[in-house]
Amino acid sequence: MPEGAPALPPAAPHAVSRLRAARLARSAKPFLARGGPKGARCPGCRLVPSHCLCALRPRVPTHAGVCLLMADIEPLKPSNTGWLIADVVPDTFAFGWARTEVDPALLALLADPQWQPYVVFPGEFVDAARVVTQLRPAEPTTGGTTPRPLFILLDATWPEARRMFRKSPYLNHFPVLSLAPEQISRYRLRRSRRGDQFCTAEVAALCLEQAGEPRTAQVLDAYLDVFTHHYLQAKRQLPVDRTDALHQHLRATTARAIDAA
């Protein structure tokens, strides 16, 4: 924890953290991240201790949920932004993806009547009958409750995500939410061959907007900006100013979202 940062009680490992631990336990050799900051990392935010983000971690009450289907090594990458979603959105679930087997807990989640799953994927690659561009009004269940939206995000590189979409028949009966954002991605930690591709946290923020939770979306966007700044400053071996406009915006946005919850 950097000097001057307020101490936080140890956070319970969230879904992405648990998936990362399970993936590391199966590894025959240590995972070495390419191109990022070197040295020991904080287990709570994956950054080097001098640039730890844990004291700024937001947690916002949120009606919607997020289900991350993660490619094999995605939970191990320090630049992965699915971790940020799990920090912010309490009902975030994470599962490793494999072509030949499906986690029974994933199937149980998708069958849970409290959720209305949406697979988030570009509509141009999908049968038009499945595509929606806005959330459908949910039909009440037999118990009289209205299902909550559950956004299924394929957390992977673009080629991997296309393969995951094609090879996951258990997703075939769910509507596909196709997003058409007007803004340009701000993510700077990885390069993409698709100019219109967004990182996973940006996609989640767009989904939360769709679900009528713009304040949580704003928190996630602000948190991504601060995470990116800390990551790049650590890579360049430069300090971070925790009183700058980025940090102040995250604190103010989080406070507004919690007050409105």
C-alpha atoms as a PDB file:
ATOM      1  CA  MET A   1       0.000   0.000   0.000  1.00  0.00           C
ATOM      2  CA  PRO A   2       1.553   3.382  -0.964  1.00  0.00           C
ATOM      3  CA  GLU A   3       2.379   5.902   1.749  1.00  0.00           C
ATOM      4  CA  GLY A   4      -0.552   8.139   2.591  1.00  0.00           C
ATOM      5  CA  ALA A   5      -3.215   5.831   1.153  1.00  0.00           C
ATOM      6  CA  PRO A   6      -6.009   4.934   3.573  1.00  0.00           C
ATOM      7  CA  ALA A   7      -5.939   1.356   4.785  1.00  0.00           C
ATOM      8  CA  LEU A   8      -8.734  -0.941   3.660  1.00  0.00           C
ATOM      9  CA  PRO A   9      -9.894  -4.124   5.353  1.00  0.00           C
ATOM     10  CA  PRO A  10      -8.943  -7.196   3.322  1.00  0.00           C
ATOM     11  CA  ALA A  11     -11.510  -7.645   0.560  1.00  0.00           C
ATOM     12  CA  ALA A  12     -13.063 -11.055   0.024  1.00  0.00           C
ATOM     13  CA  PRO A  13     -11.780 -12.487  -3.260  1.00  0.00           C
ATOM     14  CA  HIS A  14     -14.293 -11.761  -6.008  1.00  0.00           C
ATOM     15  CA  ALA A  15     -15.163 -14.069  -8.887  1.00  0.00           C
ATOM     16  CA  VAL A  16     -12.282 -13.048 -11.162  1.00  0.00           C
ATOM     17  CA  SER A  17      -9.786 -13.243  -8.309  1.00  0.00           C
ATOM     18  CA  ARG A  18     -10.964 -16.762  -7.463  1.00  0.00           C
ATOM     19  CA  LEU A  19     -10.773 -17.811 -11.111  1.00  0.00           C
ATOM     20  CA  ARG A  20      -7.250 -16.411 -11.350  1.00  0.00           C
ATOM     21  CA  ALA A  21      -6.189 -18.371  -8.237  1.00  0.00           C
ATOM     22  CA  ALA A  22      -7.654 -21.577  -9.667  1.00  0.00           C
ATOM     23  CA  ARG A  23      -5.917 -21.006 -13.000  1.00  0.00           C
ATOM     24  CA  LEU A  24      -2.572 -20.353 -11.279  1.00  0.00           C
ATOM     25  CA  ALA A  25      -2.975 -23.534  -9.268  1.00  0.00           C
ATOM     26  CA  ARG A  26      -3.183 -25.499 -12.535  1.00  0.00           C
ATOM     27  CA  SER A  27      -0.138 -23.811 -14.104  1.00  0.00           C
ATOM     28  CA  ALA A  28       3.018 -25.843 -14.522  1.00  0.00           C
ATOM     29  CA  LYS A  29       5.153 -22.679 -14.565  1.00  0.00           C
ATOM     30  CA  PRO A  30       4.737 -19.056 -13.415  1.00  0.00           C
ATOM     31  CA  PHE A  31       2.796 -16.707 -15.689  1.00  0.00           C
ATOM     32  CA  LEU A  32       5.019 -13.839 -16.904  1.00  0.00           C
ATOM     33  CA  ALA A  33       3.126 -10.811 -18.182  1.00  0.00           C
ATOM     34  CA  ARG A  34       4.632  -9.226 -21.287  1.00  0.00           C
ATOM     35  CA  GLY A  35       5.225  -5.495 -21.571  1.00  0.00           C
ATOM     36  CA  GLY A  36       3.842  -4.488 -18.192  1.00  0.00           C
ATOM     37  CA  PRO A  37       5.490  -3.343 -14.974  1.00  0.00           C
ATOM     38  CA  LYS A  38       7.849  -5.909 -13.451  1.00  0.00           C
ATOM     39  CA  GLY A  39       8.238  -7.116  -9.887  1.00  0.00           C
ATOM     40  CA  ALA A  40       5.938  -8.193  -7.072  1.00  0.00           C
ATOM     41  CA  ARG A  41       2.272  -7.308  -7.462  1.00  0.00           C
ATOM     42  CA  CYS A  42      -0.487  -6.465  -5.030  1.00  0.00           C
ATOM     43  CA  PRO A  43      -2.873  -9.462  -4.877  1.00  0.00           C
ATOM     44  CA  GLY A  44      -5.844  -7.093  -4.608  1.00  0.00           C
ATOM     45  CA  CYS A  45      -5.314  -5.061  -7.794  1.00  0.00           C
ATOM     46  CA  ARG A  46      -2.416  -6.788  -9.674  1.00  0.00           C
ATOM     47  CA  LEU A  47      -0.354  -3.582  -9.763  1.00  0.00           C
ATOM     48  CA  VAL A  48       3.081  -3.115  -8.234  1.00  0.00           C
ATOM     49  CA  PRO A  49       2.741  -2.086  -4.557  1.00  0.00           C
ATOM     50  CA  SER A  50       3.951   1.478  -5.162  1.00  0.00           C
ATOM     51  CA  HIS A  51       1.012   2.021  -7.542  1.00  0.00           C
ATOM     52  CA  CYS A  52      -1.598  -0.020  -5.637  1.00  0.00           C
ATOM     53  CA  LEU A  53      -5.193   0.842  -6.478  1.00  0.00           C
ATOM     54  CA  CYS A  54      -6.935  -0.931  -3.603  1.00  0.00           C
ATOM     55  CA  ALA A  55      -7.636   2.213  -1.563  1.00  0.00           C
ATOM     56  CA  LEU A  56      -9.660   3.580  -4.503  1.00  0.00           C
ATOM     57  CA  ARG A  57     -11.645   0.430  -5.190  1.00  0.00           C
ATOM     58  CA  PRO A  58     -15.335   1.385  -5.662  1.00  0.00           C
ATOM     59  CA  ARG A  59     -18.272  -0.907  -4.875  1.00  0.00           C
ATOM     60  CA  VAL A  60     -21.663   0.268  -6.101  1.00  0.00           C
ATOM     61  CA  PRO A  61     -25.041  -1.413  -5.426  1.00  0.00           C
ATOM     62  CA  THR A  62     -26.178  -2.567  -8.862  1.00  0.00           C
ATOM     63  CA  HIS A  63     -29.371  -4.236 -10.092  1.00  0.00           C
ATOM     64  CA  ALA A  64     -27.820  -5.830 -13.188  1.00  0.00           C
ATOM     65  CA  GLY A  65     -25.283  -8.642 -13.151  1.00  0.00           C
ATOM     66  CA  VAL A  66     -22.291  -9.515 -15.320  1.00  0.00           C
ATOM     67  CA  CYS A  67     -21.168 -13.003 -16.312  1.00  0.00           C
ATOM     68  CA  LEU A  68     -17.625 -13.164 -17.670  1.00  0.00           C
ATOM     69  CA  LEU A  69     -16.655 -16.102 -19.872  1.00  0.00           C
ATOM     70  CA  MET A  70     -12.882 -15.820 -19.858  1.00  0.00           C
ATOM     71  CA  ALA A  71     -10.383 -17.282 -22.295  1.00  0.00           C
ATOM     72  CA  ASP A  72      -7.753 -19.518 -20.730  1.00  0.00           C
ATOM     73  CA  ILE A  73      -5.054 -17.042 -19.650  1.00  0.00           C
ATOM     74  CA  GLU A  74      -7.244 -13.925 -19.491  1.00  0.00           C
ATOM     75  CA  PRO A  75      -7.604 -14.037 -15.663  1.00  0.00           C
ATOM     76  CA  LEU A  76      -3.800 -14.078 -15.379  1.00  0.00           C
ATOM     77  CA  LYS A  77      -3.160 -10.895 -17.361  1.00  0.00           C
ATOM     78  CA  PRO A  78      -2.554  -7.826 -15.165  1.00  0.00           C
ATOM     79  CA  SER A  79      -4.087  -5.668 -17.907  1.00  0.00           C
ATOM     80  CA  ASN A  80      -7.369  -7.616 -17.861  1.00  0.00           C
ATOM     81  CA  THR A  81     -10.314  -5.293 -17.155  1.00  0.00           C
ATOM     82  CA  GLY A  82     -12.841  -7.953 -16.201  1.00  0.00           C
ATOM     83  CA  TRP A  83     -11.222  -7.664 -12.768  1.00  0.00           C
ATOM     84  CA  LEU A  84     -12.364  -4.028 -12.610  1.00  0.00           C
ATOM     85  CA  ILE A  85     -15.962  -5.032 -13.334  1.00  0.00           C
ATOM     86  CA  ALA A  86     -15.855  -7.492 -10.442  1.00  0.00           C
ATOM     87  CA  ASP A  87     -14.494  -4.728  -8.187  1.00  0.00           C
ATOM     88  CA  VAL A  88     -17.422  -2.429  -9.006  1.00  0.00           C
ATOM     89  CA  VAL A  89     -20.435  -4.671  -9.715  1.00  0.00           C
ATOM     90  CA  PRO A  90     -21.286  -6.949  -6.759  1.00  0.00           C
ATOM     91  CA  ASP A  91     -23.047  -9.589  -8.870  1.00  0.00           C
ATOM     92  CA  THR A  92     -20.167 -10.399 -11.181  1.00  0.00           C
ATOM     93  CA  PHE A  93     -19.606 -14.057 -12.051  1.00  0.00           C
ATOM     94  CA  ALA A  94     -16.541 -15.441 -13.823  1.00  0.00           C
ATOM     95  CA  PHE A  95     -15.958 -18.785 -15.536  1.00  0.00           C
ATOM     96  CA  GLY A  96     -13.124 -20.158 -17.595  1.00  0.00           C
ATOM     97  CA  TRP A  97     -14.151 -21.133 -21.125  1.00  0.00           C
ATOM     98  CA  ALA A  98     -13.325 -24.478 -22.713  1.00  0.00           C
ATOM     99  CA  ARG A  99     -14.682 -25.936 -25.921  1.00  0.00           C
ATOM    100  CA  THR A 100     -15.115 -29.478 -24.600  1.00  0.00           C
ATOM    101  CA  GLU A 101     -16.622 -28.863 -21.155  1.00  0.00           C
ATOM    102  CA  VAL A 102     -18.917 -26.430 -19.380  1.00  0.00           C
ATOM    103  CA  ASP A 103     -18.827 -25.556 -15.693  1.00  0.00           C
ATOM    104  CA  PRO A 104     -22.097 -26.825 -14.135  1.00  0.00           C
ATOM    105  CA  ALA A 105     -22.197 -23.659 -12.024  1.00  0.00           C
ATOM    106  CA  LEU A 106     -22.367 -21.605 -15.241  1.00  0.00           C
ATOM    107  CA  LEU A 107     -25.311 -23.622 -16.528  1.00  0.00           C
ATOM    108  CA  ALA A 108     -27.056 -23.255 -13.162  1.00  0.00           C
ATOM    109  CA  LEU A 109     -26.543 -19.487 -13.274  1.00  0.00           C
ATOM    110  CA  LEU A 110     -27.962 -19.213 -16.792  1.00  0.00           C
ATOM    111  CA  ALA A 111     -30.997 -21.251 -15.745  1.00  0.00           C
ATOM    112  CA  ASP A 112     -31.657 -19.218 -12.588  1.00  0.00           C
ATOM    113  CA  PRO A 113     -35.051 -17.500 -13.045  1.00  0.00           C
ATOM    114  CA  GLN A 114     -33.894 -14.352 -11.269  1.00  0.00           C
ATOM    115  CA  TRP A 115     -31.776 -13.517 -14.335  1.00  0.00           C
ATOM    116  CA  GLN A 116     -32.521 -12.638 -17.967  1.00  0.00           C
ATOM    117  CA  PRO A 117     -29.249 -13.401 -19.788  1.00  0.00           C
ATOM    118  CA  TYR A 118     -28.063 -11.375 -22.780  1.00  0.00           C
ATOM    119  CA  VAL A 119     -25.023 -12.417 -24.802  1.00  0.00           C
ATOM    120  CA  VAL A 120     -23.147  -9.240 -25.707  1.00  0.00           C
ATOM    121  CA  PHE A 121     -21.723  -9.591 -29.214  1.00  0.00           C
ATOM    122  CA  PRO A 122     -21.691  -7.637 -32.505  1.00  0.00           C
ATOM    123  CA  GLY A 123     -24.969  -8.197 -34.342  1.00  0.00           C
ATOM    124  CA  GLU A 124     -23.284  -8.392 -37.750  1.00  0.00           C
ATOM    125  CA  PHE A 125     -22.079 -11.919 -36.909  1.00  0.00           C
ATOM    126  CA  VAL A 126     -25.417 -13.215 -35.594  1.00  0.00           C
ATOM    127  CA  ASP A 127     -28.743 -14.349 -37.010  1.00  0.00           C
ATOM    128  CA  ALA A 128     -30.837 -11.175 -37.084  1.00  0.00           C
ATOM    129  CA  ALA A 129     -33.710 -12.914 -35.277  1.00  0.00           C
ATOM    130  CA  ARG A 130     -31.589 -13.109 -32.117  1.00  0.00           C
ATOM    131  CA  VAL A 131     -30.268  -9.561 -32.158  1.00  0.00           C
ATOM    132  CA  VAL A 132     -31.590  -6.822 -29.888  1.00  0.00           C
ATOM    133  CA  THR A 133     -30.217  -3.302 -29.622  1.00  0.00           C
ATOM    134  CA  GLN A 134     -32.173  -2.405 -26.491  1.00  0.00           C
ATOM    135  CA  LEU A 135     -33.106  -4.502 -23.498  1.00  0.00           C
ATOM    136  CA  ARG A 136     -36.423  -6.260 -23.824  1.00  0.00           C
ATOM    137  CA  PRO A 137     -39.020  -5.705 -21.067  1.00  0.00           C
ATOM    138  CA  ALA A 138     -38.670  -8.735 -18.815  1.00  0.00           C
ATOM    139  CA  GLU A 139     -41.720 -10.925 -18.248  1.00  0.00           C
ATOM    140  CA  PRO A 140     -42.473 -11.578 -14.547  1.00  0.00           C
ATOM    141  CA  THR A 141     -41.743 -15.110 -13.365  1.00  0.00           C
ATOM    142  CA  THR A 142     -44.356 -17.405 -11.849  1.00  0.00           C
ATOM    143  CA  GLY A 143     -43.425 -15.966  -8.469  1.00  0.00           C
ATOM    144  CA  GLY A 144     -44.279 -12.465  -9.653  1.00  0.00           C
ATOM    145  CA  THR A 145     -40.693 -11.198  -9.719  1.00  0.00           C
ATOM    146  CA  THR A 146     -39.112  -9.544 -12.755  1.00  0.00           C
ATOM    147  CA  PRO A 147     -35.795 -11.052 -13.882  1.00  0.00           C
ATOM    148  CA  ARG A 148     -32.703  -8.895 -13.653  1.00  0.00           C
ATOM    149  CA  PRO A 149     -30.492  -8.418 -16.724  1.00  0.00           C
ATOM    150  CA  LEU A 150     -27.381 -10.583 -16.774  1.00  0.00           C
ATOM    151  CA  PHE A 151     -24.833  -9.520 -19.378  1.00  0.00           C
ATOM    152  CA  ILE A 152     -22.670 -12.360 -20.706  1.00  0.00           C
ATOM    153  CA  LEU A 153     -19.331 -10.920 -21.838  1.00  0.00           C
ATOM    154  CA  LEU A 154     -16.766 -12.973 -23.757  1.00  0.00           C
ATOM    155  CA  ASP A 155     -13.535 -11.781 -22.156  1.00  0.00           C
ATOM    156  CA  ALA A 156     -10.900 -12.630 -24.747  1.00  0.00           C
ATOM    157  CA  THR A 157      -9.072 -11.359 -27.788  1.00  0.00           C
ATOM    158  CA  TRP A 158     -11.330 -10.771 -30.786  1.00  0.00           C
ATOM    159  CA  PRO A 159     -10.369 -14.055 -32.595  1.00  0.00           C
ATOM    160  CA  GLU A 160     -10.859 -15.965 -29.337  1.00  0.00           C
ATOM    161  CA  ALA A 161     -14.222 -14.298 -28.679  1.00  0.00           C
ATOM    162  CA  ARG A 162     -15.527 -15.244 -32.130  1.00  0.00           C
ATOM    163  CA  ARG A 163     -14.504 -18.851 -31.546  1.00  0.00           C
ATOM    164  CA  MET A 164     -16.083 -18.864 -28.085  1.00  0.00           C
ATOM    165  CA  PHE A 165     -19.336 -17.526 -29.517  1.00  0.00           C
ATOM    166  CA  ARG A 166     -19.464 -20.196 -32.235  1.00  0.00           C
ATOM    167  CA  LYS A 167     -18.477 -23.071 -29.933  1.00  0.00           C
ATOM    168  CA  SER A 168     -20.827 -22.384 -27.000  1.00  0.00           C
ATOM    169  CA  PRO A 169     -24.167 -23.981 -27.930  1.00  0.00           C
ATOM    170  CA  TYR A 170     -25.554 -23.395 -24.429  1.00  0.00           C
ATOM    171  CA  LEU A 171     -25.712 -19.687 -25.311  1.00  0.00           C
ATOM    172  CA  ASN A 172     -27.688 -20.185 -28.518  1.00  0.00           C
ATOM    173  CA  HIS A 173     -31.166 -19.636 -27.062  1.00  0.00           C
ATOM    174  CA  PHE A 174     -30.379 -16.284 -25.446  1.00  0.00           C
ATOM    175  CA  PRO A 175     -30.872 -12.894 -27.130  1.00  0.00           C
ATOM    176  CA  VAL A 176     -27.751 -11.176 -28.393  1.00  0.00           C
ATOM    177  CA  LEU A 177     -27.319  -7.570 -27.324  1.00  0.00           C
ATOM    178  CA  SER A 178     -25.531  -5.651 -30.073  1.00  0.00           C
ATOM    179  CA  LEU A 179     -24.070  -2.338 -28.941  1.00  0.00           C
ATOM    180  CA  ALA A 180     -23.491   0.631 -31.221  1.00  0.00           C
ATOM    181  CA  PRO A 181     -21.500   3.124 -29.157  1.00  0.00           C
ATOM    182  CA  GLU A 182     -20.721   6.533 -30.594  1.00  0.00           C
ATOM    183  CA  GLN A 183     -17.548   7.137 -28.619  1.00  0.00           C
ATOM    184  CA  ILE A 184     -14.067   5.760 -29.351  1.00  0.00           C
ATOM    185  CA  SER A 185     -12.402   3.319 -26.991  1.00  0.00           C
ATOM    186  CA  ARG A 186     -10.068   4.944 -24.460  1.00  0.00           C
ATOM    187  CA  TYR A 187      -8.320   1.711 -23.538  1.00  0.00           C
ATOM    188  CA  ARG A 188      -4.544   1.958 -24.025  1.00  0.00           C
ATOM    189  CA  LEU A 189      -3.068  -1.203 -22.500  1.00  0.00           C
ATOM    190  CA  ARG A 190      -3.523  -3.515 -25.503  1.00  0.00           C
ATOM    191  CA  ARG A 191      -3.814  -3.038 -29.246  1.00  0.00           C
ATOM    192  CA  SER A 192      -6.754  -4.297 -31.263  1.00  0.00           C
ATOM    193  CA  ARG A 193      -7.029  -5.016 -34.969  1.00  0.00           C
ATOM    194  CA  ARG A 194     -10.644  -3.828 -34.903  1.00  0.00           C
ATOM    195  CA  GLY A 195     -10.939  -0.059 -34.611  1.00  0.00           C
ATOM    196  CA  ASP A 196     -14.419  -0.344 -33.129  1.00  0.00           C
ATOM    197  CA  GLN A 197     -13.454  -2.858 -30.425  1.00  0.00           C
ATOM    198  CA  PHE A 198     -13.793  -1.926 -26.768  1.00  0.00           C
ATOM    199  CA  CYS A 199     -12.173  -3.472 -23.726  1.00  0.00           C
ATOM    200  CA  THR A 200     -14.339  -5.616 -21.469  1.00  0.00           C
ATOM    201  CA  ALA A 201     -14.857  -2.934 -18.807  1.00  0.00           C
ATOM    202  CA  GLU A 202     -15.989  -0.411 -21.434  1.00  0.00           C
ATOM    203  CA  VAL A 203     -18.487  -2.930 -22.810  1.00  0.00           C
ATOM    204  CA  ALA A 204     -19.820  -3.572 -19.302  1.00  0.00           C
ATOM    205  CA  ALA A 205     -20.284   0.165 -18.770  1.00  0.00           C
ATOM    206  CA  LEU A 206     -22.268   0.412 -22.006  1.00  0.00           C
ATOM    207  CA  CYS A 207     -24.443  -2.493 -20.851  1.00  0.00           C
ATOM    208  CA  LEU A 208     -25.090  -0.822 -17.499  1.00  0.00           C
ATOM    209  CA  GLU A 209     -26.224   2.278 -19.372  1.00  0.00           C
ATOM    210  CA  GLN A 210     -28.659   0.069 -21.287  1.00  0.00           C
ATOM    211  CA  ALA A 211     -29.921  -1.341 -17.988  1.00  0.00           C
ATOM    212  CA  GLY A 212     -30.760   2.129 -16.676  1.00  0.00           C
ATOM    213  CA  GLU A 213     -27.764   2.343 -14.333  1.00  0.00           C
ATOM    214  CA  PRO A 214     -25.773   5.260 -15.757  1.00  0.00           C
ATOM    215  CA  ARG A 215     -24.151   6.177 -12.442  1.00  0.00           C
ATOM    216  CA  THR A 216     -22.597   2.741 -12.052  1.00  0.00           C
ATOM    217  CA  ALA A 217     -21.473   2.939 -15.683  1.00  0.00           C
ATOM    218  CA  GLN A 218     -19.781   6.264 -14.961  1.00  0.00           C
ATOM    219  CA  VAL A 219     -18.006   4.790 -11.933  1.00  0.00           C
ATOM    220  CA  LEU A 220     -16.697   1.879 -13.999  1.00  0.00           C
ATOM    221  CA  ASP A 221     -15.472   4.227 -16.742  1.00  0.00           C
ATOM    222  CA  ALA A 222     -13.741   6.459 -14.179  1.00  0.00           C
ATOM    223  CA  TYR A 223     -12.202   3.443 -12.445  1.00  0.00           C
ATOM    224  CA  LEU A 224     -10.875   2.148 -15.772  1.00  0.00           C
ATOM    225  CA  ASP A 225      -9.241   5.530 -16.435  1.00  0.00           C
ATOM    226  CA  VAL A 226      -7.527   5.525 -13.030  1.00  0.00           C
ATOM    227  CA  PHE A 227      -6.431   1.883 -13.394  1.00  0.00           C
ATOM    228  CA  THR A 228      -4.961   2.620 -16.828  1.00  0.00           C
ATOM    229  CA  HIS A 229      -3.102   5.637 -15.454  1.00  0.00           C
ATOM    230  CA  HIS A 230      -1.639   3.653 -12.532  1.00  0.00           C
ATOM    231  CA  TYR A 231      -0.647   0.778 -14.825  1.00  0.00           C
ATOM    232  CA  LEU A 232       1.134   3.005 -17.345  1.00  0.00           C
ATOM    233  CA  GLN A 233       2.844   5.097 -14.661  1.00  0.00           C
ATOM    234  CA  ALA A 234       4.163   1.911 -13.072  1.00  0.00           C
ATOM    235  CA  LYS A 235       5.382   0.669 -16.455  1.00  0.00           C
ATOM    236  CA  ARG A 236       7.230   3.977 -16.960  1.00  0.00           C
ATOM    237  CA  GLN A 237       8.507   3.938 -13.352  1.00  0.00           C
ATOM    238  CA  LEU A 238       6.781   7.251 -12.646  1.00  0.00           C
ATOM    239  CA  PRO A 239       4.758   8.150  -9.522  1.00  0.00           C
ATOM    240  CA  VAL A 240       1.007   8.786  -9.468  1.00  0.00           C
ATOM    241  CA  ASP A 241      -0.630  11.910  -8.092  1.00  0.00           C
ATOM    242  CA  ARG A 242      -3.624  10.686  -6.088  1.00  0.00           C
ATOM    243  CA  THR A 243      -5.022  14.214  -5.891  1.00  0.00           C
ATOM    244  CA  ASP A 244      -5.184  14.832  -9.646  1.00  0.00           C
ATOM    245  CA  ALA A 245      -8.346  15.287 -11.702  1.00  0.00           C
ATOM    246  CA  LEU A 246      -8.651  11.576 -12.590  1.00  0.00           C
ATOM    247  CA  HIS A 247      -8.648  10.488  -8.944  1.00  0.00           C
ATOM    248  CA  GLN A 248     -10.951  13.290  -7.847  1.00  0.00           C
ATOM    249  CA  HIS A 249     -13.413  12.384 -10.609  1.00  0.00           C
ATOM    250  CA  LEU A 250     -13.468   8.734  -9.511  1.00  0.00           C
ATOM    251  CA  ARG A 251     -14.104   9.666  -5.876  1.00  0.00           C
ATOM    252  CA  ALA A 252     -16.859  12.130  -6.757  1.00  0.00           C
ATOM    253  CA  THR A 253     -18.533   9.775  -9.238  1.00  0.00           C
ATOM    254  CA  THR A 254     -18.474   6.918  -6.735  1.00  0.00           C
ATOM    255  CA  ALA A 255     -19.932   9.072  -3.974  1.00  0.00           C
ATOM    256  CA  ARG A 256     -22.796  10.208  -6.239  1.00  0.00           C
ATOM    257  CA  ALA A 257     -23.552   6.635  -7.310  1.00  0.00           C
ATOM    258  CA  ILE A 258     -23.643   5.340  -3.731  1.00  0.00           C
ATOM    259  CA  ASP A 259     -25.808   8.254  -2.545  1.00  0.00           C
ATOM    260  CA  ALA A 260     -28.278   7.591  -5.356  1.00  0.00           C
ATOM    261  CA  ALA A 261     -28.468   3.836  -4.705  1.00  0.00           C
END
